[in-house]
């Protein structure tokens, strides 16, 4: 059983893009899944990132969720248990934890 402290959404696909009937470009839109309960642990986080005078947060998380068949996302969004957006991340690795019937994602 997973101790839930947040949710994730995975990039399910995109819509739009290309050229419309009027000959103008059509903006591509990302389509995200429904929220999936999960456990989020901070692997690494610091506020020392700077680029051209702008500060940013460098963060890496370990996410655990109940096992799902065919689950292989390329990008995820994380939200804490209060619904606050933690960020959008490329998936670094996915590991099936057979003994506890769960999936571990590193971002």
PDB file of N, CA and C in Angstrom:
ATOM      1  N   UNK A   1       0.838  -1.185   0.000  1.00  0.00           N
ATOM      2  CA  UNK A   1       0.000   0.000   0.000  1.00  0.00           C
ATOM      3  C   UNK A   1       0.877   1.240   0.000  1.00  0.00           C
ATOM      4  N   UNK A   2       0.517   2.201  -0.840  1.00  0.00           N
ATOM      5  CA  UNK A   2       1.269   3.435  -0.983  1.00  0.00           C
ATOM      6  C   UNK A   2       0.713   4.474  -0.012  1.00  0.00           C
ATOM      7  N   UNK A   3       1.595   5.153   0.712  1.00  0.00           N
ATOM      8  CA  UNK A   3       1.180   6.263   1.561  1.00  0.00           C
ATOM      9  C   UNK A   3       1.152   7.504   0.674  1.00  0.00           C
ATOM     10  N   UNK A   4      -0.040   7.946   0.331  1.00  0.00           N
ATOM     11  CA  UNK A   4      -0.211   9.026  -0.643  1.00  0.00           C
ATOM     12  C   UNK A   4       0.065  10.388  -0.012  1.00  0.00           C
ATOM     13  N   UNK A   5       0.862  11.207  -0.722  1.00  0.00           N
ATOM     14  CA  UNK A   5       1.099  12.578  -0.288  1.00  0.00           C
ATOM     15  C   UNK A   5       1.093  13.539  -1.479  1.00  0.00           C
ATOM     16  N   UNK A   6       0.530  13.082  -2.593  1.00  0.00           N
ATOM     17  CA  UNK A   6       0.438  13.922  -3.776  1.00  0.00           C
ATOM     18  C   UNK A   6      -0.147  13.152  -4.936  1.00  0.00           C
ATOM     19  N   UNK A   7      -0.116  13.795  -6.109  1.00  0.00           N
ATOM     20  CA  UNK A   7      -0.606  13.161  -7.325  1.00  0.00           C
ATOM     21  C   UNK A   7       0.343  13.448  -8.474  1.00  0.00           C
ATOM     22  N   UNK A   8       0.214  12.636  -9.515  1.00  0.00           N
ATOM     23  CA  UNK A   8       0.954  12.898 -10.741  1.00  0.00           C
ATOM     24  C   UNK A   8       0.013  12.817 -11.918  1.00  0.00           C
ATOM     25  N   UNK A   9       0.375  13.514 -12.975  1.00  0.00           N
ATOM     26  CA  UNK A   9      -0.301  13.406 -14.261  1.00  0.00           C
ATOM     27  C   UNK A   9       0.786  13.105 -15.278  1.00  0.00           C
ATOM     28  N   UNK A  10       0.475  12.237 -16.248  1.00  0.00           N
ATOM     29  CA  UNK A  10       1.459  11.947 -17.277  1.00  0.00           C
ATOM     30  C   UNK A  10       0.987  12.495 -18.619  1.00  0.00           C
ATOM     31  N   UNK A  11       1.945  12.812 -19.469  1.00  0.00           N
ATOM     32  CA  UNK A  11       1.634  13.341 -20.790  1.00  0.00           C
ATOM     33  C   UNK A  11       1.028  12.222 -21.616  1.00  0.00           C
ATOM     34  N   UNK A  12      -0.273  12.353 -21.916  1.00  0.00           N
ATOM     35  CA  UNK A  12      -1.002  11.300 -22.625  1.00  0.00           C
ATOM     36  C   UNK A  12      -0.949  11.486 -24.132  1.00  0.00           C
ATOM     37  N   UNK A  13      -0.610  12.669 -24.604  1.00  0.00           N
ATOM     38  CA  UNK A  13      -0.551  12.935 -26.035  1.00  0.00           C
ATOM     39  C   UNK A  13      -0.632  14.420 -26.315  1.00  0.00           C
ATOM     40  N   UNK A  14      -0.800  14.761 -27.570  1.00  0.00           N
ATOM     41  CA  UNK A  14      -0.930  16.153 -27.971  1.00  0.00           C
ATOM     42  C   UNK A  14      -2.061  16.291 -28.981  1.00  0.00           C
ATOM     43  N   UNK A  15      -2.602  17.474 -29.058  1.00  0.00           N
ATOM     44  CA  UNK A  15      -3.608  17.773 -30.069  1.00  0.00           C
ATOM     45  C   UNK A  15      -3.187  19.030 -30.804  1.00  0.00           C
ATOM     46  N   UNK A  16      -3.745  19.220 -31.966  1.00  0.00           N
ATOM     47  CA  UNK A  16      -3.430  20.415 -32.750  1.00  0.00           C
ATOM     48  C   UNK A  16      -2.076  20.312 -33.416  1.00  0.00           C
ATOM     49  N   UNK A  17      -1.536  21.436 -33.733  1.00  0.00           N
ATOM     50  CA  UNK A  17      -0.269  21.481 -34.430  1.00  0.00           C
ATOM     51  C   UNK A  17      -0.500  21.441 -35.933  1.00  0.00           C
ATOM     52  N   UNK A  18       0.424  21.961 -36.683  1.00  0.00           N
ATOM     53  CA  UNK A  18       0.301  21.958 -38.134  1.00  0.00           C
ATOM     54  C   UNK A  18      -0.295  23.255 -38.654  1.00  0.00           C
ATOM     55  N   UNK A  19      -0.922  23.173 -39.799  1.00  0.00           N
ATOM     56  CA  UNK A  19      -1.509  24.332 -40.464  1.00  0.00           C
ATOM     57  C   UNK A  19      -3.023  24.151 -40.541  1.00  0.00           C
ATOM     58  N   UNK A  20      -3.782  25.187 -40.142  1.00  0.00           N
ATOM     59  CA  UNK A  20      -5.233  25.137 -40.165  1.00  0.00           C
ATOM     60  C   UNK A  20      -5.783  25.366 -41.564  1.00  0.00           C
ATOM     61  N   UNK A  21      -7.098  25.237 -41.708  1.00  0.00           N
ATOM     62  CA  UNK A  21      -7.773  25.438 -42.991  1.00  0.00           C
ATOM     63  C   UNK A  21      -7.563  26.840 -43.546  1.00  0.00           C
ATOM     64  N   UNK A  22      -7.327  27.792 -42.632  1.00  0.00           N
ATOM     65  CA  UNK A  22      -7.117  29.169 -43.073  1.00  0.00           C
ATOM     66  C   UNK A  22      -5.664  29.454 -43.436  1.00  0.00           C
ATOM     67  N   UNK A  23      -4.794  28.419 -43.351  1.00  0.00           N
ATOM     68  CA  UNK A  23      -3.387  28.580 -43.706  1.00  0.00           C
ATOM     69  C   UNK A  23      -2.514  29.090 -42.579  1.00  0.00           C
ATOM     70  N   UNK A  24      -3.096  29.317 -41.407  1.00  0.00           N
ATOM     71  CA  UNK A  24      -2.338  29.809 -40.256  1.00  0.00           C
ATOM     72  C   UNK A  24      -1.918  28.640 -39.372  1.00  0.00           C
ATOM     73  N   UNK A  25      -0.787  28.797 -38.676  1.00  0.00           N
ATOM     74  CA  UNK A  25      -0.333  27.719 -37.784  1.00  0.00           C
ATOM     75  C   UNK A  25      -1.326  27.465 -36.656  1.00  0.00           C
ATOM     76  N   UNK A  26      -1.489  26.190 -36.304  1.00  0.00           N
ATOM     77  CA  UNK A  26      -2.346  25.786 -35.189  1.00  0.00           C
ATOM     78  C   UNK A  26      -1.433  25.362 -34.045  1.00  0.00           C
ATOM     79  N   UNK A  27      -1.646  25.978 -32.882  1.00  0.00           N
ATOM     80  CA  UNK A  27      -0.806  25.686 -31.725  1.00  0.00           C
ATOM     81  C   UNK A  27      -1.018  24.248 -31.249  1.00  0.00           C
ATOM     82  N   UNK A  28       0.079  23.584 -30.916  1.00  0.00           N
ATOM     83  CA  UNK A  28       0.015  22.239 -30.349  1.00  0.00           C
ATOM     84  C   UNK A  28      -0.339  22.347 -28.871  1.00  0.00           C
ATOM     85  N   UNK A  29      -1.212  21.464 -28.388  1.00  0.00           N
ATOM     86  CA  UNK A  29      -1.633  21.463 -26.995  1.00  0.00           C
ATOM     87  C   UNK A  29      -1.341  20.101 -26.381  1.00  0.00           C
ATOM     88  N   UNK A  30      -0.681  20.097 -25.218  1.00  0.00           N
ATOM     89  CA  UNK A  30      -0.428  18.848 -24.501  1.00  0.00           C
ATOM     90  C   UNK A  30      -1.700  18.371 -23.816  1.00  0.00           C
ATOM     91  N   UNK A  31      -1.927  17.052 -23.812  1.00  0.00           N
ATOM     92  CA  UNK A  31      -3.070  16.442 -23.143  1.00  0.00           C
ATOM     93  C   UNK A  31      -2.524  15.610 -21.984  1.00  0.00           C
ATOM     94  N   UNK A  32      -2.952  15.938 -20.764  1.00  0.00           N
ATOM     95  CA  UNK A  32      -2.466  15.267 -19.559  1.00  0.00           C
ATOM     96  C   UNK A  32      -3.519  14.303 -19.027  1.00  0.00           C
ATOM     97  N   UNK A  33      -3.072  13.236 -18.400  1.00  0.00           N
ATOM     98  CA  UNK A  33      -3.961  12.232 -17.818  1.00  0.00           C
ATOM     99  C   UNK A  33      -4.701  12.802 -16.610  1.00  0.00           C
ATOM    100  N   UNK A  34      -5.628  12.014 -16.103  1.00  0.00           N
ATOM    101  CA  UNK A  34      -6.263  12.336 -14.824  1.00  0.00           C
ATOM    102  C   UNK A  34      -5.206  12.204 -13.725  1.00  0.00           C
ATOM    103  N   UNK A  35      -5.437  12.836 -12.597  1.00  0.00           N
ATOM    104  CA  UNK A  35      -4.503  12.766 -11.472  1.00  0.00           C
ATOM    105  C   UNK A  35      -4.458  11.349 -10.897  1.00  0.00           C
ATOM    106  N   UNK A  36      -3.257  10.864 -10.636  1.00  0.00           N
ATOM    107  CA  UNK A  36      -3.037   9.533 -10.066  1.00  0.00           C
ATOM    108  C   UNK A  36      -2.395   9.711  -8.686  1.00  0.00           C
ATOM    109  N   UNK A  37      -3.003   9.171  -7.624  1.00  0.00           N
ATOM    110  CA  UNK A  37      -2.417   9.275  -6.288  1.00  0.00           C
ATOM    111  C   UNK A  37      -1.044   8.608  -6.244  1.00  0.00           C
ATOM    112  N   UNK A  38      -0.110   9.231  -5.510  1.00  0.00           N
ATOM    113  CA  UNK A  38       1.241   8.683  -5.422  1.00  0.00           C
ATOM    114  C   UNK A  38       1.931   9.185  -4.159  1.00  0.00           C
ATOM    115  N   UNK A  39       3.120   8.650  -3.917  1.00  0.00           N
ATOM    116  CA  UNK A  39       3.990   9.108  -2.840  1.00  0.00           C
ATOM    117  C   UNK A  39       5.168   9.823  -3.487  1.00  0.00           C
ATOM    118  N   UNK A  40       5.448  11.045  -3.059  1.00  0.00           N
ATOM    119  CA  UNK A  40       6.526  11.857  -3.630  1.00  0.00           C
ATOM    120  C   UNK A  40       7.564  12.104  -2.553  1.00  0.00           C
ATOM    121  N   UNK A  41       8.815  11.757  -2.871  1.00  0.00           N
ATOM    122  CA  UNK A  41       9.935  12.040  -1.967  1.00  0.00           C
ATOM    123  C   UNK A  41      10.937  12.909  -2.701  1.00  0.00           C
ATOM    124  N   UNK A  42      11.487  13.879  -2.003  1.00  0.00           N
ATOM    125  CA  UNK A  42      12.519  14.727  -2.591  1.00  0.00           C
ATOM    126  C   UNK A  42      13.815  13.943  -2.618  1.00  0.00           C
ATOM    127  N   UNK A  43      14.402  13.815  -3.795  1.00  0.00           N
ATOM    128  CA  UNK A  43      15.699  13.167  -3.952  1.00  0.00           C
ATOM    129  C   UNK A  43      16.794  14.219  -3.863  1.00  0.00           C
ATOM    130  N   UNK A  44      16.544  15.380  -4.454  1.00  0.00           N
ATOM    131  CA  UNK A  44      17.497  16.485  -4.444  1.00  0.00           C
ATOM    132  C   UNK A  44      16.727  17.753  -4.777  1.00  0.00           C
ATOM    133  N   UNK A  45      16.967  18.819  -4.036  1.00  0.00           N
ATOM    134  CA  UNK A  45      16.299  20.088  -4.325  1.00  0.00           C
ATOM    135  C   UNK A  45      17.146  21.222  -3.778  1.00  0.00           C
ATOM    136  N   UNK A  46      17.411  22.216  -4.630  1.00  0.00           N
ATOM    137  CA  UNK A  46      18.060  23.424  -4.136  1.00  0.00           C
ATOM    138  C   UNK A  46      17.591  24.625  -4.935  1.00  0.00           C
ATOM    139  N   UNK A  47      17.711  25.777  -4.321  1.00  0.00           N
ATOM    140  CA  UNK A  47      17.234  27.020  -4.914  1.00  0.00           C
ATOM    141  C   UNK A  47      18.382  27.863  -5.468  1.00  0.00           C
ATOM    142  N   UNK A  48      19.506  27.237  -5.749  1.00  0.00           N
ATOM    143  CA  UNK A  48      20.697  27.978  -6.135  1.00  0.00           C
ATOM    144  C   UNK A  48      20.879  28.124  -7.643  1.00  0.00           C
ATOM    145  N   UNK A  49      19.972  27.604  -8.434  1.00  0.00           N
ATOM    146  CA  UNK A  49      20.095  27.714  -9.883  1.00  0.00           C
ATOM    147  C   UNK A  49      19.945  29.158 -10.346  1.00  0.00           C
ATOM    148  N   UNK A  50      20.841  29.610 -11.215  1.00  0.00           N
ATOM    149  CA  UNK A  50      20.773  30.962 -11.767  1.00  0.00           C
ATOM    150  C   UNK A  50      21.192  30.932 -13.225  1.00  0.00           C
ATOM    151  N   UNK A  51      20.453  31.687 -14.037  1.00  0.00           N
ATOM    152  CA  UNK A  51      20.807  31.828 -15.445  1.00  0.00           C
ATOM    153  C   UNK A  51      20.431  33.230 -15.876  1.00  0.00           C
ATOM    154  N   UNK A  52      21.393  33.964 -16.333  1.00  0.00           N
ATOM    155  CA  UNK A  52      21.189  35.338 -16.789  1.00  0.00           C
ATOM    156  C   UNK A  52      20.434  36.167 -15.760  1.00  0.00           C
ATOM    157  N   UNK A  53      20.826  36.031 -14.492  1.00  0.00           N
ATOM    158  CA  UNK A  53      20.230  36.818 -13.421  1.00  0.00           C
ATOM    159  C   UNK A  53      18.902  36.316 -12.891  1.00  0.00           C
ATOM    160  N   UNK A  54      18.371  35.248 -13.474  1.00  0.00           N
ATOM    161  CA  UNK A  54      17.095  34.702 -13.028  1.00  0.00           C
ATOM    162  C   UNK A  54      17.338  33.456 -12.181  1.00  0.00           C
ATOM    163  N   UNK A  55      16.708  33.411 -10.997  1.00  0.00           N
ATOM    164  CA  UNK A  55      16.858  32.255 -10.106  1.00  0.00           C
ATOM    165  C   UNK A  55      15.848  31.185 -10.482  1.00  0.00           C
ATOM    166  N   UNK A  56      16.241  29.924 -10.310  1.00  0.00           N
ATOM    167  CA  UNK A  56      15.320  28.816 -10.537  1.00  0.00           C
ATOM    168  C   UNK A  56      15.664  27.683  -9.584  1.00  0.00           C
ATOM    169  N   UNK A  57      14.729  26.765  -9.424  1.00  0.00           N
ATOM    170  CA  UNK A  57      14.877  25.632  -8.512  1.00  0.00           C
ATOM    171  C   UNK A  57      15.346  24.416  -9.295  1.00  0.00           C
ATOM    172  N   UNK A  58      16.341  23.733  -8.760  1.00  0.00           N
ATOM    173  CA  UNK A  58      16.785  22.454  -9.317  1.00  0.00           C
ATOM    174  C   UNK A  58      16.203  21.371  -8.411  1.00  0.00           C
ATOM    175  N   UNK A  59      15.412  20.455  -8.989  1.00  0.00           N
ATOM    176  CA  UNK A  59      14.740  19.459  -8.159  1.00  0.00           C
ATOM    177  C   UNK A  59      14.737  18.099  -8.836  1.00  0.00           C
ATOM    178  N   UNK A  60      14.828  17.062  -8.026  1.00  0.00           N
ATOM    179  CA  UNK A  60      14.689  15.682  -8.489  1.00  0.00           C
ATOM    180  C   UNK A  60      13.859  14.946  -7.438  1.00  0.00           C
ATOM    181  N   UNK A  61      12.954  14.101  -7.913  1.00  0.00           N
ATOM    182  CA  UNK A  61      12.042  13.405  -7.010  1.00  0.00           C
ATOM    183  C   UNK A  61      12.033  11.913  -7.298  1.00  0.00           C
ATOM    184  N   UNK A  62      11.653  11.140  -6.268  1.00  0.00           N
ATOM    185  CA  UNK A  62      11.361   9.719  -6.416  1.00  0.00           C
ATOM    186  C   UNK A  62       9.863   9.574  -6.137  1.00  0.00           C
ATOM    187  N   UNK A  63       9.140   9.003  -7.086  1.00  0.00           N
ATOM    188  CA  UNK A  63       7.690   8.884  -7.006  1.00  0.00           C
ATOM    189  C   UNK A  63       7.330   7.404  -6.995  1.00  0.00           C
ATOM    190  N   UNK A  64       6.459   7.016  -6.072  1.00  0.00           N
ATOM    191  CA  UNK A  64       6.004   5.635  -5.988  1.00  0.00           C
ATOM    192  C   UNK A  64       4.481   5.620  -6.114  1.00  0.00           C
ATOM    193  N   UNK A  65       3.977   4.704  -6.958  1.00  0.00           N
ATOM    194  CA  UNK A  65       2.540   4.563  -7.131  1.00  0.00           C
ATOM    195  C   UNK A  65       2.188   3.107  -7.314  1.00  0.00           C
ATOM    196  N   UNK A  66       0.911   2.798  -7.152  1.00  0.00           N
ATOM    197  CA  UNK A  66       0.473   1.417  -7.332  1.00  0.00           C
ATOM    198  C   UNK A  66       0.733   0.978  -8.765  1.00  0.00           C
ATOM    199  N   UNK A  67       1.063  -0.283  -8.917  1.00  0.00           N
ATOM    200  CA  UNK A  67       1.436  -0.829 -10.220  1.00  0.00           C
ATOM    201  C   UNK A  67       0.290  -0.752 -11.220  1.00  0.00           C
ATOM    202  N   UNK A  68       0.640  -0.410 -12.457  1.00  0.00           N
ATOM    203  CA  UNK A  68      -0.316  -0.320 -13.566  1.00  0.00           C
ATOM    204  C   UNK A  68       0.305  -1.019 -14.759  1.00  0.00           C
ATOM    205  N   UNK A  69      -0.491  -1.710 -15.518  1.00  0.00           N
ATOM    206  CA  UNK A  69       0.039  -2.368 -16.704  1.00  0.00           C
ATOM    207  C   UNK A  69       0.187  -1.350 -17.829  1.00  0.00           C
ATOM    208  N   UNK A  70       1.273  -1.473 -18.570  1.00  0.00           N
ATOM    209  CA  UNK A  70       1.515  -0.612 -19.711  1.00  0.00           C
ATOM    210  C   UNK A  70       1.834   0.825 -19.358  1.00  0.00           C
ATOM    211  N   UNK A  71       2.217   1.093 -18.132  1.00  0.00           N
ATOM    212  CA  UNK A  71       2.513   2.455 -17.689  1.00  0.00           C
ATOM    213  C   UNK A  71       3.958   2.794 -18.027  1.00  0.00           C
ATOM    214  N   UNK A  72       4.162   3.708 -18.966  1.00  0.00           N
ATOM    215  CA  UNK A  72       5.517   4.072 -19.390  1.00  0.00           C
ATOM    216  C   UNK A  72       5.546   5.533 -19.871  1.00  0.00           C
ATOM    217  N   UNK A  73       5.335   6.488 -18.957  1.00  0.00           N
ATOM    218  CA  UNK A  73       5.275   7.892 -19.364  1.00  0.00           C
ATOM    219  C   UNK A  73       6.658   8.460 -19.677  1.00  0.00           C
ATOM    220  N   UNK A  74       6.690   9.452 -20.532  1.00  0.00           N
ATOM    221  CA  UNK A  74       7.938  10.152 -20.841  1.00  0.00           C
ATOM    222  C   UNK A  74       8.096  11.424 -20.031  1.00  0.00           C
ATOM    223  N   UNK A  75       6.958  12.067 -19.688  1.00  0.00           N
ATOM    224  CA  UNK A  75       6.942  13.289 -18.891  1.00  0.00           C
ATOM    225  C   UNK A  75       5.817  13.195 -17.872  1.00  0.00           C
ATOM    226  N   UNK A  76       6.066  13.757 -16.686  1.00  0.00           N
ATOM    227  CA  UNK A  76       5.022  13.808 -15.667  1.00  0.00           C
ATOM    228  C   UNK A  76       4.976  15.192 -15.033  1.00  0.00           C
ATOM    229  N   UNK A  77       3.819  15.506 -14.481  1.00  0.00           N
ATOM    230  CA  UNK A  77       3.637  16.686 -13.642  1.00  0.00           C
ATOM    231  C   UNK A  77       3.366  16.188 -12.230  1.00  0.00           C
ATOM    232  N   UNK A  78       3.958  16.858 -11.233  1.00  0.00           N
ATOM    233  CA  UNK A  78       3.755  16.472  -9.838  1.00  0.00           C
ATOM    234  C   UNK A  78       3.031  17.577  -9.078  1.00  0.00           C
ATOM    235  N   UNK A  79       2.133  17.140  -8.174  1.00  0.00           N
ATOM    236  CA  UNK A  79       1.369  18.051  -7.328  1.00  0.00           C
ATOM    237  C   UNK A  79       1.425  17.522  -5.895  1.00  0.00           C
ATOM    238  N   UNK A  80       1.612  18.411  -4.912  1.00  0.00           N
ATOM    239  CA  UNK A  80       1.641  17.927  -3.531  1.00  0.00           C
ATOM    240  C   UNK A  80       0.221  17.663  -3.043  1.00  0.00           C
ATOM    241  N   UNK A  81       0.094  17.242  -1.788  1.00  0.00           N
ATOM    242  CA  UNK A  81      -1.227  16.860  -1.270  1.00  0.00           C
ATOM    243  C   UNK A  81      -2.174  18.045  -1.095  1.00  0.00           C
ATOM    244  N   UNK A  82      -1.674  19.259  -1.240  1.00  0.00           N
ATOM    245  CA  UNK A  82      -2.524  20.446  -1.201  1.00  0.00           C
ATOM    246  C   UNK A  82      -2.871  20.940  -2.604  1.00  0.00           C
ATOM    247  N   UNK A  83      -2.433  20.170  -3.624  1.00  0.00           N
ATOM    248  CA  UNK A  83      -2.736  20.522  -5.005  1.00  0.00           C
ATOM    249  C   UNK A  83      -1.782  21.520  -5.627  1.00  0.00           C
ATOM    250  N   UNK A  84      -0.721  21.890  -4.913  1.00  0.00           N
ATOM    251  CA  UNK A  84       0.256  22.836  -5.451  1.00  0.00           C
ATOM    252  C   UNK A  84       1.143  22.147  -6.481  1.00  0.00           C
ATOM    253  N   UNK A  85       1.365  22.817  -7.597  1.00  0.00           N
ATOM    254  CA  UNK A  85       2.182  22.303  -8.697  1.00  0.00           C
ATOM    255  C   UNK A  85       3.647  22.317  -8.293  1.00  0.00           C
ATOM    256  N   UNK A  86       4.294  21.145  -8.319  1.00  0.00           N
ATOM    257  CA  UNK A  86       5.714  21.043  -7.981  1.00  0.00           C
ATOM    258  C   UNK A  86       6.605  21.187  -9.212  1.00  0.00           C
ATOM    259  N   UNK A  87       6.070  20.817 -10.377  1.00  0.00           N
ATOM    260  CA  UNK A  87       6.844  20.952 -11.603  1.00  0.00           C
ATOM    261  C   UNK A  87       6.496  19.885 -12.613  1.00  0.00           C
ATOM    262  N   UNK A  88       7.047  20.084 -13.798  1.00  0.00           N
ATOM    263  CA  UNK A  88       6.914  19.131 -14.899  1.00  0.00           C
ATOM    264  C   UNK A  88       8.301  18.575 -15.168  1.00  0.00           C
ATOM    265  N   UNK A  89       8.410  17.249 -15.284  1.00  0.00           N
ATOM    266  CA  UNK A  89       9.717  16.603 -15.341  1.00  0.00           C
ATOM    267  C   UNK A  89       9.778  15.505 -16.395  1.00  0.00           C
ATOM    268  N   UNK A  90      10.927  15.360 -17.045  1.00  0.00           N
ATOM    269  CA  UNK A  90      11.133  14.174 -17.877  1.00  0.00           C
ATOM    270  C   UNK A  90      11.411  12.982 -16.960  1.00  0.00           C
ATOM    271  N   UNK A  91      10.924  11.818 -17.338  1.00  0.00           N
ATOM    272  CA  UNK A  91      11.148  10.611 -16.535  1.00  0.00           C
ATOM    273  C   UNK A  91      12.555  10.094 -16.811  1.00  0.00           C
ATOM    274  N   UNK A  92      13.341   9.916 -15.745  1.00  0.00           N
ATOM    275  CA  UNK A  92      14.704   9.401 -15.860  1.00  0.00           C
ATOM    276  C   UNK A  92      14.692   7.881 -15.881  1.00  0.00           C
ATOM    277  N   UNK A  93      13.915   7.275 -14.972  1.00  0.00           N
ATOM    278  CA  UNK A  93      13.832   5.813 -14.946  1.00  0.00           C
ATOM    279  C   UNK A  93      12.521   5.361 -14.317  1.00  0.00           C
ATOM    280  N   UNK A  94      12.107   4.158 -14.711  1.00  0.00           N
ATOM    281  CA  UNK A  94      10.917   3.513 -14.150  1.00  0.00           C
ATOM    282  C   UNK A  94      11.322   2.108 -13.727  1.00  0.00           C
ATOM    283  N   UNK A  95      10.946   1.737 -12.501  1.00  0.00           N
ATOM    284  CA  UNK A  95      11.277   0.405 -11.991  1.00  0.00           C
ATOM    285  C   UNK A  95      10.031  -0.222 -11.387  1.00  0.00           C
ATOM    286  N   UNK A  96       9.740  -1.456 -11.762  1.00  0.00           N
ATOM    287  CA  UNK A  96       8.622  -2.192 -11.172  1.00  0.00           C
ATOM    288  C   UNK A  96       9.128  -2.843  -9.893  1.00  0.00           C
ATOM    289  N   UNK A  97       8.437  -2.580  -8.802  1.00  0.00           N
ATOM    290  CA  UNK A  97       8.783  -3.165  -7.506  1.00  0.00           C
ATOM    291  C   UNK A  97       7.847  -4.340  -7.269  1.00  0.00           C
ATOM    292  N   UNK A  98       8.262  -5.514  -7.737  1.00  0.00           N
ATOM    293  CA  UNK A  98       7.427  -6.725  -7.723  1.00  0.00           C
ATOM    294  C   UNK A  98       6.940  -7.086  -6.321  1.00  0.00           C
ATOM    295  N   UNK A  99       7.817  -6.998  -5.330  1.00  0.00           N
ATOM    296  CA  UNK A  99       7.488  -7.457  -3.982  1.00  0.00           C
ATOM    297  C   UNK A  99       6.345  -6.671  -3.351  1.00  0.00           C
ATOM    298  N   UNK A 100       6.197  -5.403  -3.735  1.00  0.00           N
ATOM    299  CA  UNK A 100       5.148  -4.572  -3.136  1.00  0.00           C
ATOM    300  C   UNK A 100       4.108  -4.123  -4.160  1.00  0.00           C
ATOM    301  N   UNK A 101       4.177  -4.677  -5.381  1.00  0.00           N
ATOM    302  CA  UNK A 101       3.223  -4.388  -6.441  1.00  0.00           C
ATOM    303  C   UNK A 101       3.086  -2.882  -6.694  1.00  0.00           C
ATOM    304  N   UNK A 102       4.254  -2.238  -6.887  1.00  0.00           N
ATOM    305  CA  UNK A 102       4.291  -0.795  -7.077  1.00  0.00           C
ATOM    306  C   UNK A 102       5.257  -0.439  -8.206  1.00  0.00           C
ATOM    307  N   UNK A 103       5.234   0.828  -8.580  1.00  0.00           N
ATOM    308  CA  UNK A 103       6.147   1.367  -9.600  1.00  0.00           C
ATOM    309  C   UNK A 103       6.922   2.517  -8.965  1.00  0.00           C
ATOM    310  N   UNK A 104       8.217   2.538  -9.211  1.00  0.00           N
ATOM    311  CA  UNK A 104       9.082   3.619  -8.729  1.00  0.00           C
ATOM    312  C   UNK A 104       9.562   4.407  -9.940  1.00  0.00           C
ATOM    313  N   UNK A 105       9.329   5.729  -9.901  1.00  0.00           N
ATOM    314  CA  UNK A 105       9.730   6.616 -10.995  1.00  0.00           C
ATOM    315  C   UNK A 105      10.735   7.621 -10.448  1.00  0.00           C
ATOM    316  N   UNK A 106      11.830   7.800 -11.161  1.00  0.00           N
ATOM    317  CA  UNK A 106      12.816   8.817 -10.790  1.00  0.00           C
ATOM    318  C   UNK A 106      12.751   9.922 -11.832  1.00  0.00           C
ATOM    319  N   UNK A 107      12.580  11.164 -11.334  1.00  0.00           N
ATOM    320  CA  UNK A 107      12.558  12.331 -12.220  1.00  0.00           C
ATOM    321  C   UNK A 107      13.569  13.350 -11.745  1.00  0.00           C
TER     322      UNK A 107
END
